[in-house]
C-alpha atoms as a PDB file:
ATOM      1  CA  MET A   1     -17.727   5.319  -2.797  1.00  0.00           C
ATOM      2  CA  ALA A   2     -15.047   5.076  -0.121  1.00  0.00           C
ATOM      3  CA  SER A   3     -12.228   7.506   0.548  1.00  0.00           C
ATOM      4  CA  VAL A   4      -8.917   5.800   1.243  1.00  0.00           C
ATOM      5  CA  LEU A   5      -5.728   7.191   2.718  1.00  0.00           C
ATOM      6  CA  HIS A   6      -2.487   5.308   2.088  1.00  0.00           C
ATOM      7  CA  LEU A   7       0.522   6.105   4.253  1.00  0.00           C
ATOM      8  CA  ALA A   8       3.701   5.519   2.289  1.00  0.00           C
ATOM      9  CA  PRO A   9       6.917   5.618   4.338  1.00  0.00           C
ATOM     10  CA  HIS A  10       8.935   6.179   1.100  1.00  0.00           C
ATOM     11  CA  PRO A  11       8.262   6.988  -2.549  1.00  0.00           C
ATOM     12  CA  ASP A  12       7.561   3.692  -4.326  1.00  0.00           C
ATOM     13  CA  ASP A  13       5.800   2.165  -1.244  1.00  0.00           C
ATOM     14  CA  GLU A  14       2.481   3.239  -2.832  1.00  0.00           C
ATOM     15  CA  VAL A  15       3.072   0.473  -5.381  1.00  0.00           C
ATOM     16  CA  LEU A  16       5.308  -2.020  -3.574  1.00  0.00           C
ATOM     17  CA  GLY A  17       3.288  -2.133  -0.326  1.00  0.00           C
ATOM     18  CA  ALA A  18      -0.297  -2.680  -1.424  1.00  0.00           C
ATOM     19  CA  GLY A  19      -0.287  -1.432  -4.983  1.00  0.00           C
ATOM     20  CA  ALA A  20      -2.662  -3.995  -6.437  1.00  0.00           C
ATOM     21  CA  THR A  21      -5.208  -3.272  -3.732  1.00  0.00           C
ATOM     22  CA  LEU A  22      -4.907   0.512  -4.148  1.00  0.00           C
ATOM     23  CA  LEU A  23      -5.163   0.291  -7.979  1.00  0.00           C
ATOM     24  CA  GLY A  24      -8.159  -2.037  -7.645  1.00  0.00           C
ATOM     25  CA  LEU A  25      -9.917   0.400  -5.299  1.00  0.00           C
ATOM     26  CA  ARG A  26      -9.216   3.280  -7.695  1.00  0.00           C
ATOM     27  CA  ALA A  27     -10.514   1.228 -10.632  1.00  0.00           C
ATOM     28  CA  HIS A  28     -13.780   0.731  -8.808  1.00  0.00           C
ATOM     29  CA  GLY A  29     -14.207   4.480  -8.345  1.00  0.00           C
ATOM     30  CA  HIS A  30     -12.956   4.895  -4.827  1.00  0.00           C
ATOM     31  CA  ARG A  31     -10.837   7.930  -4.003  1.00  0.00           C
ATOM     32  CA  VAL A  32      -7.238   7.142  -3.102  1.00  0.00           C
ATOM     33  CA  VAL A  33      -5.003   9.714  -1.380  1.00  0.00           C
ATOM     34  CA  ASN A  34      -1.329   8.756  -1.037  1.00  0.00           C
ATOM     35  CA  LEU A  35       0.475  10.501   1.751  1.00  0.00           C
ATOM     36  CA  ALA A  36       4.262  10.325   1.138  1.00  0.00           C
ATOM     37  CA  CYS A  37       5.781  10.508   4.614  1.00  0.00           C
ATOM     38  CA  SER A  38       9.386  11.075   3.514  1.00  0.00           C
ATOM     39  CA  LEU A  39      11.421  11.918   0.456  1.00  0.00           C
ATOM     40  CA  GLY A  40      14.757  11.227   2.135  1.00  0.00           C
ATOM     41  CA  ARG A  41      17.384  13.599   3.455  1.00  0.00           C
ATOM     42  CA  ALA A  42      19.756  14.411   0.603  1.00  0.00           C
ATOM     43  CA  PRO A  43      18.416  17.488  -1.284  1.00  0.00           C
ATOM     44  CA  GLU A  44      19.319  16.220  -4.745  1.00  0.00           C
ATOM     45  CA  ARG A  45      17.698  12.852  -4.011  1.00  0.00           C
ATOM     46  CA  ARG A  46      14.621  14.508  -2.585  1.00  0.00           C
ATOM     47  CA  GLU A  47      13.901  16.481  -5.746  1.00  0.00           C
ATOM     48  CA  ARG A  48      14.369  13.473  -7.997  1.00  0.00           C
ATOM     49  CA  ARG A  49      12.162  11.309  -5.808  1.00  0.00           C
ATOM     50  CA  ARG A  50       9.487  13.988  -5.664  1.00  0.00           C
ATOM     51  CA  ALA A  51       9.368  14.252  -9.474  1.00  0.00           C
ATOM     52  CA  GLU A  52       9.177  10.453  -9.796  1.00  0.00           C
ATOM     53  CA  LEU A  53       6.478  10.224  -7.131  1.00  0.00           C
ATOM     54  CA  VAL A  54       4.303  12.814  -8.906  1.00  0.00           C
ATOM     55  CA  ASP A  55       4.692  10.852 -12.103  1.00  0.00           C
ATOM     56  CA  ALA A  56       3.834   7.575 -10.337  1.00  0.00           C
ATOM     57  CA  CYS A  57       0.694   8.931  -8.670  1.00  0.00           C
ATOM     58  CA  GLU A  58      -0.498  10.470 -11.909  1.00  0.00           C
ATOM     59  CA  ARG A  59      -0.053   7.051 -13.631  1.00  0.00           C
ATOM     60  CA  ALA A  60      -1.977   5.395 -10.786  1.00  0.00           C
ATOM     61  CA  GLY A  61      -4.758   8.000 -10.487  1.00  0.00           C
ATOM     62  CA  PHE A  62      -3.909   8.662  -6.836  1.00  0.00           C
ATOM     63  CA  GLU A  63      -4.090  12.072  -5.195  1.00  0.00           C
ATOM     64  CA  LEU A  64      -0.736  12.953  -3.675  1.00  0.00           C
ATOM     65  CA  VAL A  65       0.157  14.718  -0.441  1.00  0.00           C
ATOM     66  CA  VAL A  66       3.842  15.070   0.486  1.00  0.00           C
ATOM     67  CA  LEU A  67       4.753  15.577   4.137  1.00  0.00           C
ATOM     68  CA  GLU A  68       7.030  18.581   4.014  1.00  0.00           C
ATOM     69  CA  ARG A  69       8.010  18.619   7.671  1.00  0.00           C
ATOM     70  CA  ASP A  70       7.469  16.811  10.997  1.00  0.00           C
ATOM     71  CA  GLY A  71       3.856  16.277  11.955  1.00  0.00           C
ATOM     72  CA  LEU A  72       2.802  12.954  10.448  1.00  0.00           C
ATOM     73  CA  ASP A  73       0.052  12.314  13.018  1.00  0.00           C
ATOM     74  CA  ALA A  74      -1.491  15.747  12.569  1.00  0.00           C
ATOM     75  CA  THR A  75      -1.242  15.639   8.806  1.00  0.00           C
ATOM     76  CA  ALA A  76      -2.761  12.151   8.459  1.00  0.00           C
ATOM     77  CA  ARG A  77      -5.504  12.897  11.029  1.00  0.00           C
ATOM     78  CA  GLY A  78      -6.295  16.166   9.246  1.00  0.00           C
ATOM     79  CA  ILE A  79      -6.724  14.312   5.932  1.00  0.00           C
ATOM     80  CA  VAL A  80      -8.964  11.647   7.533  1.00  0.00           C
ATOM     81  CA  GLU A  81     -11.208  14.174   9.236  1.00  0.00           C
ATOM     82  CA  ARG A  82     -11.252  16.832   6.483  1.00  0.00           C
ATOM     83  CA  GLU A  83     -11.776  14.453   3.571  1.00  0.00           C
ATOM     84  CA  GLY A  84     -14.068  11.932   5.255  1.00  0.00           C
ATOM     85  CA  VAL A  85     -11.619   9.039   4.908  1.00  0.00           C
ATOM     86  CA  ASP A  86     -13.200   5.658   5.626  1.00  0.00           C
ATOM     87  CA  LEU A  87     -10.141   3.432   5.342  1.00  0.00           C
ATOM     88  CA  VAL A  88      -6.431   3.901   6.181  1.00  0.00           C
ATOM     89  CA  ILE A  89      -3.893   1.528   4.541  1.00  0.00           C
ATOM     90  CA  ALA A  90      -0.379   1.481   5.996  1.00  0.00           C
ATOM     91  CA  PRO A  91       2.608  -0.790   6.707  1.00  0.00           C
ATOM     92  CA  ASP A  92       2.349  -3.343   9.460  1.00  0.00           C
ATOM     93  CA  PRO A  93       4.019  -2.544  12.814  1.00  0.00           C
ATOM     94  CA  GLU A  94       6.280  -5.599  12.407  1.00  0.00           C
ATOM     95  CA  ASP A  95       7.433  -4.715   8.880  1.00  0.00           C
ATOM     96  CA  ALA A  96      11.140  -4.810  10.004  1.00  0.00           C
ATOM     97  CA  HIS A  97      12.082  -1.356   8.685  1.00  0.00           C
ATOM     98  CA  PRO A  98      12.350   1.485  11.208  1.00  0.00           C
ATOM     99  CA  ALA A  99      10.673   4.035   8.959  1.00  0.00           C
ATOM    100  CA  HIS A 100       7.821   1.572   8.259  1.00  0.00           C
ATOM    101  CA  ALA A 101       7.394   0.875  11.997  1.00  0.00           C
ATOM    102  CA  GLU A 102       7.214   4.622  12.706  1.00  0.00           C
ATOM    103  CA  VAL A 103       4.537   5.146  10.039  1.00  0.00           C
ATOM    104  CA  ALA A 104       2.644   2.040  11.240  1.00  0.00           C
ATOM    105  CA  ALA A 105       2.526   3.497  14.785  1.00  0.00           C
ATOM    106  CA  ALA A 106       1.216   6.783  13.483  1.00  0.00           C
ATOM    107  CA  ALA A 107      -1.452   5.003  11.473  1.00  0.00           C
ATOM    108  CA  ARG A 108      -2.712   3.195  14.538  1.00  0.00           C
ATOM    109  CA  ARG A 109      -2.918   6.440  16.532  1.00  0.00           C
ATOM    110  CA  VAL A 110      -4.847   8.079  13.731  1.00  0.00           C
ATOM    111  CA  VAL A 111      -7.445   5.309  13.402  1.00  0.00           C
ATOM    112  CA  GLU A 112      -7.877   5.167  17.171  1.00  0.00           C
ATOM    113  CA  ALA A 113      -8.538   8.938  17.214  1.00  0.00           C
ATOM    114  CA  THR A 114     -10.843   9.011  14.197  1.00  0.00           C
ATOM    115  CA  GLY A 115     -12.591   5.662  14.011  1.00  0.00           C
ATOM    116  CA  ALA A 116     -11.430   4.936  10.491  1.00  0.00           C
ATOM    117  CA  ARG A 117     -10.673   1.340   9.573  1.00  0.00           C
ATOM    118  CA  LEU A 118      -7.103   0.088   9.160  1.00  0.00           C
ATOM    119  CA  TRP A 119      -5.605  -2.395   6.703  1.00  0.00           C
ATOM    120  CA  THR A 120      -1.911  -3.192   6.873  1.00  0.00           C
ATOM    121  CA  TRP A 121       0.604  -4.637   4.456  1.00  0.00           C
ATOM    122  CA  GLY A 122       4.097  -6.175   4.881  1.00  0.00           C
ATOM    123  CA  LEU A 123       7.053  -5.620   2.566  1.00  0.00           C
ATOM    124  CA  TRP A 124      10.277  -6.227   4.504  1.00  0.00           C
ATOM    125  CA  ARG A 125       8.605  -9.031   6.498  1.00  0.00           C
ATOM    126  CA  ASP A 126       5.601 -11.219   5.802  1.00  0.00           C
ATOM    127  CA  LEU A 127       2.452 -10.478   7.780  1.00  0.00           C
ATOM    128  CA  ALA A 128       2.094 -12.658  10.805  1.00  0.00           C
ATOM    129  CA  ARG A 129      -1.655 -13.086  10.287  1.00  0.00           C
ATOM    130  CA  PRO A 130      -2.930 -12.018   6.892  1.00  0.00           C
ATOM    131  CA  THR A 131      -6.715 -11.864   6.752  1.00  0.00           C
ATOM    132  CA  LEU A 132      -7.423 -10.217   3.393  1.00  0.00           C
ATOM    133  CA  TYR A 133      -6.783 -11.876   0.056  1.00  0.00           C
ATOM    134  CA  CYS A 134      -6.653  -9.678  -3.032  1.00  0.00           C
ATOM    135  CA  GLY A 135      -6.239 -11.682  -6.237  1.00  0.00           C
ATOM    136  CA  PHE A 136      -5.366  -9.914  -9.520  1.00  0.00           C
ATOM    137  CA  ASP A 137      -4.576 -10.623 -13.151  1.00  0.00           C
ATOM    138  CA  GLU A 138      -1.926  -9.880 -15.754  1.00  0.00           C
ATOM    139  CA  GLU A 139      -3.510  -6.591 -16.681  1.00  0.00           C
ATOM    140  CA  ARG A 140      -3.300  -5.355 -13.070  1.00  0.00           C
ATOM    141  CA  LEU A 141       0.343  -6.551 -12.821  1.00  0.00           C
ATOM    142  CA  ALA A 142       1.152  -4.572 -16.011  1.00  0.00           C
ATOM    143  CA  GLN A 143      -0.468  -1.479 -14.434  1.00  0.00           C
ATOM    144  CA  LEU A 144       1.657  -1.968 -11.309  1.00  0.00           C
ATOM    145  CA  GLN A 145       4.811  -2.245 -13.419  1.00  0.00           C
ATOM    146  CA  HIS A 146       3.860   0.875 -15.303  1.00  0.00           C
ATOM    147  CA  VAL A 147       3.408   2.819 -12.069  1.00  0.00           C
ATOM    148  CA  LEU A 148       6.662   1.409 -10.580  1.00  0.00           C
ATOM    149  CA  ALA A 149       8.571   2.380 -13.771  1.00  0.00           C
ATOM    150  CA  ALA A 150       8.082   6.038 -12.823  1.00  0.00           C
ATOM    151  CA  HIS A 151      10.542   5.481  -9.926  1.00  0.00           C
ATOM    152  CA  ARG A 152      13.482   5.281 -12.298  1.00  0.00           C
ATOM    153  CA  GLY A 153      16.145   6.196  -9.759  1.00  0.00           C
ATOM    154  CA  GLU A 154      15.008   3.589  -7.287  1.00  0.00           C
ATOM    155  CA  LEU A 155      14.908   0.936  -9.995  1.00  0.00           C
ATOM    156  CA  GLU A 156      18.527   1.695 -10.880  1.00  0.00           C
ATOM    157  CA  ARG A 157      19.377   1.012  -7.212  1.00  0.00           C
ATOM    158  CA  ASN A 158      17.423  -2.248  -6.877  1.00  0.00           C
ATOM    159  CA  ASP A 159      15.406  -4.609  -9.016  1.00  0.00           C
ATOM    160  CA  PHE A 160      12.023  -3.845  -7.507  1.00  0.00           C
ATOM    161  CA  ALA A 161      10.211  -4.769 -10.726  1.00  0.00           C
ATOM    162  CA  GLU A 162      11.364  -8.320 -10.324  1.00  0.00           C
ATOM    163  CA  LEU A 163      10.415  -8.225  -6.655  1.00  0.00           C
ATOM    164  CA  LEU A 164       6.901  -7.012  -7.499  1.00  0.00           C
ATOM    165  CA  ARG A 165       6.205 -10.060  -9.687  1.00  0.00           C
ATOM    166  CA  ALA A 166       7.904 -12.465  -7.327  1.00  0.00           C
ATOM    167  CA  ARG A 167       5.913 -11.270  -4.337  1.00  0.00           C
ATOM    168  CA  ALA A 168       2.672 -11.505  -6.312  1.00  0.00           C
ATOM    169  CA  ILE A 169       3.412 -15.114  -7.297  1.00  0.00           C
ATOM    170  CA  ALA A 170       4.432 -16.122  -3.797  1.00  0.00           C
ATOM    171  CA  ALA A 171       1.272 -14.543  -2.320  1.00  0.00           C
ATOM    172  CA  ARG A 172      -0.820 -16.465  -4.819  1.00  0.00           C
ATOM    173  CA  VAL A 173       0.908 -19.791  -4.139  1.00  0.00           C
ATOM    174  CA  LEU A 174       0.830 -19.463  -0.365  1.00  0.00           C
ATOM    175  CA  GLY A 175      -1.959 -16.950   0.118  1.00  0.00           C
ATOM    176  CA  ALA A 176      -5.040 -19.098   0.259  1.00  0.00           C
ATOM    177  CA  GLU A 177      -3.609 -21.344   2.973  1.00  0.00           C
ATOM    178  CA  ARG A 178      -2.081 -18.411   4.883  1.00  0.00           C
ATOM    179  CA  VAL A 179      -5.410 -16.497   4.899  1.00  0.00           C
ATOM    180  CA  PHE A 180      -8.016 -19.272   5.054  1.00  0.00           C
ATOM    181  CA  GLY A 181      -6.037 -22.100   6.735  1.00  0.00           C
ATOM    182  CA  LEU A 182      -4.164 -25.253   5.770  1.00  0.00           C
ATOM    183  CA  GLY A 183      -5.850 -27.165   3.004  1.00  0.00           C
ATOM    184  CA  ALA A 184      -7.722 -24.184   1.545  1.00  0.00           C
ATOM    185  CA  ALA A 185      -8.234 -24.486  -2.172  1.00  0.00           C
ATOM    186  CA  ARG A 186      -5.952 -22.378  -4.364  1.00  0.00           C
ATOM    187  CA  ARG A 187      -7.492 -19.305  -5.836  1.00  0.00           C
ATOM    188  CA  PRO A 188      -7.887 -18.941  -9.641  1.00  0.00           C
ATOM    189  CA  GLU A 189      -6.095 -15.562 -10.070  1.00  0.00           C
ATOM    190  CA  PRO A 190      -2.437 -15.697 -11.256  1.00  0.00           C
ATOM    191  CA  TYR A 191      -1.278 -13.149  -8.665  1.00  0.00           C
ATOM    192  CA  ALA A 192      -2.241 -12.028  -5.196  1.00  0.00           C
ATOM    193  CA  GLU A 193      -1.581  -9.474  -2.480  1.00  0.00           C
ATOM    194  CA  LEU A 194      -2.167 -10.124   1.209  1.00  0.00           C
ATOM    195  CA  LEU A 195      -3.197  -7.619   3.868  1.00  0.00           C
ATOM    196  CA  ALA A 196      -4.429  -7.740   7.445  1.00  0.00           C
ATOM    197  CA  ASP A 197      -7.298  -5.977   9.276  1.00  0.00           C
ATOM    198  CA  GLY A 198      -7.648  -8.079  12.427  1.00  0.00           C
ATOM    199  CA  GLY A 199     -10.985  -9.435  11.287  1.00  0.00           C
ATOM    200  CA  PRO A 200     -12.179 -12.772   9.866  1.00  0.00           C
ATOM    201  CA  PRO A 201     -10.458 -14.078   6.700  1.00  0.00           C
ATOM    202  CA  ARG A 202     -12.059 -12.922   3.424  1.00  0.00           C
ATOM    203  CA  VAL A 203     -11.467 -12.350  -0.230  1.00  0.00           C
ATOM    204  CA  LEU A 204     -11.428  -8.596  -0.805  1.00  0.00           C
ATOM    205  CA  ASP A 205     -14.412  -7.168  -2.695  1.00  0.00           C
ATOM    206  CA  LEU A 206     -12.812  -3.968  -4.006  1.00  0.00           C
ATOM    207  CA  ALA A 207     -16.099  -2.672  -5.250  1.00  0.00           C
ATOM    208  CA  ASP A 208     -17.345  -2.675  -1.613  1.00  0.00           C
ATOM    209  CA  PRO A 209     -14.294  -2.712   0.669  1.00  0.00           C
END
């Protein structure tokens, strides 16, 4: 079984970024550690987000580590080395959000130092070259919505539940051609998530990532 470290710039990125992939890995018995890199600055918001994040990770079956102070590189590298992490999943460097770019840069430094593999996702901007196609079904979407529902305060601020479904449909409609090239046959799953690893295009086998 693999050990996976996910770097989440904010609470809720553990489900909005690559949630279907992470839940799929967990469902196949792989260990998933979610490192929350920030809870925000306002004290009252931090406590609310921490409570929601704990609830979300319990629903997902992820282990949770919250970065309490500066030192993202050291914390992430420590988890990779101490826990024998095989795979790091993080936002793409071009994800068009400054916090996401900062976390993406840290992820690259960590994998360069440790030799772990890196998969990236895009939320605020589509991936330039997705190479990994993760299809999923209605049951997995319902699981994602259940995890996302724990972030009650964030859902009051924005309709991320609608975004989750819309992105999954768009990735399914466009994903096969984006990953495998123009003219590629559509995949049978009703939803999809796209990631990148710099390697050849492939359909993710979550049992053996």
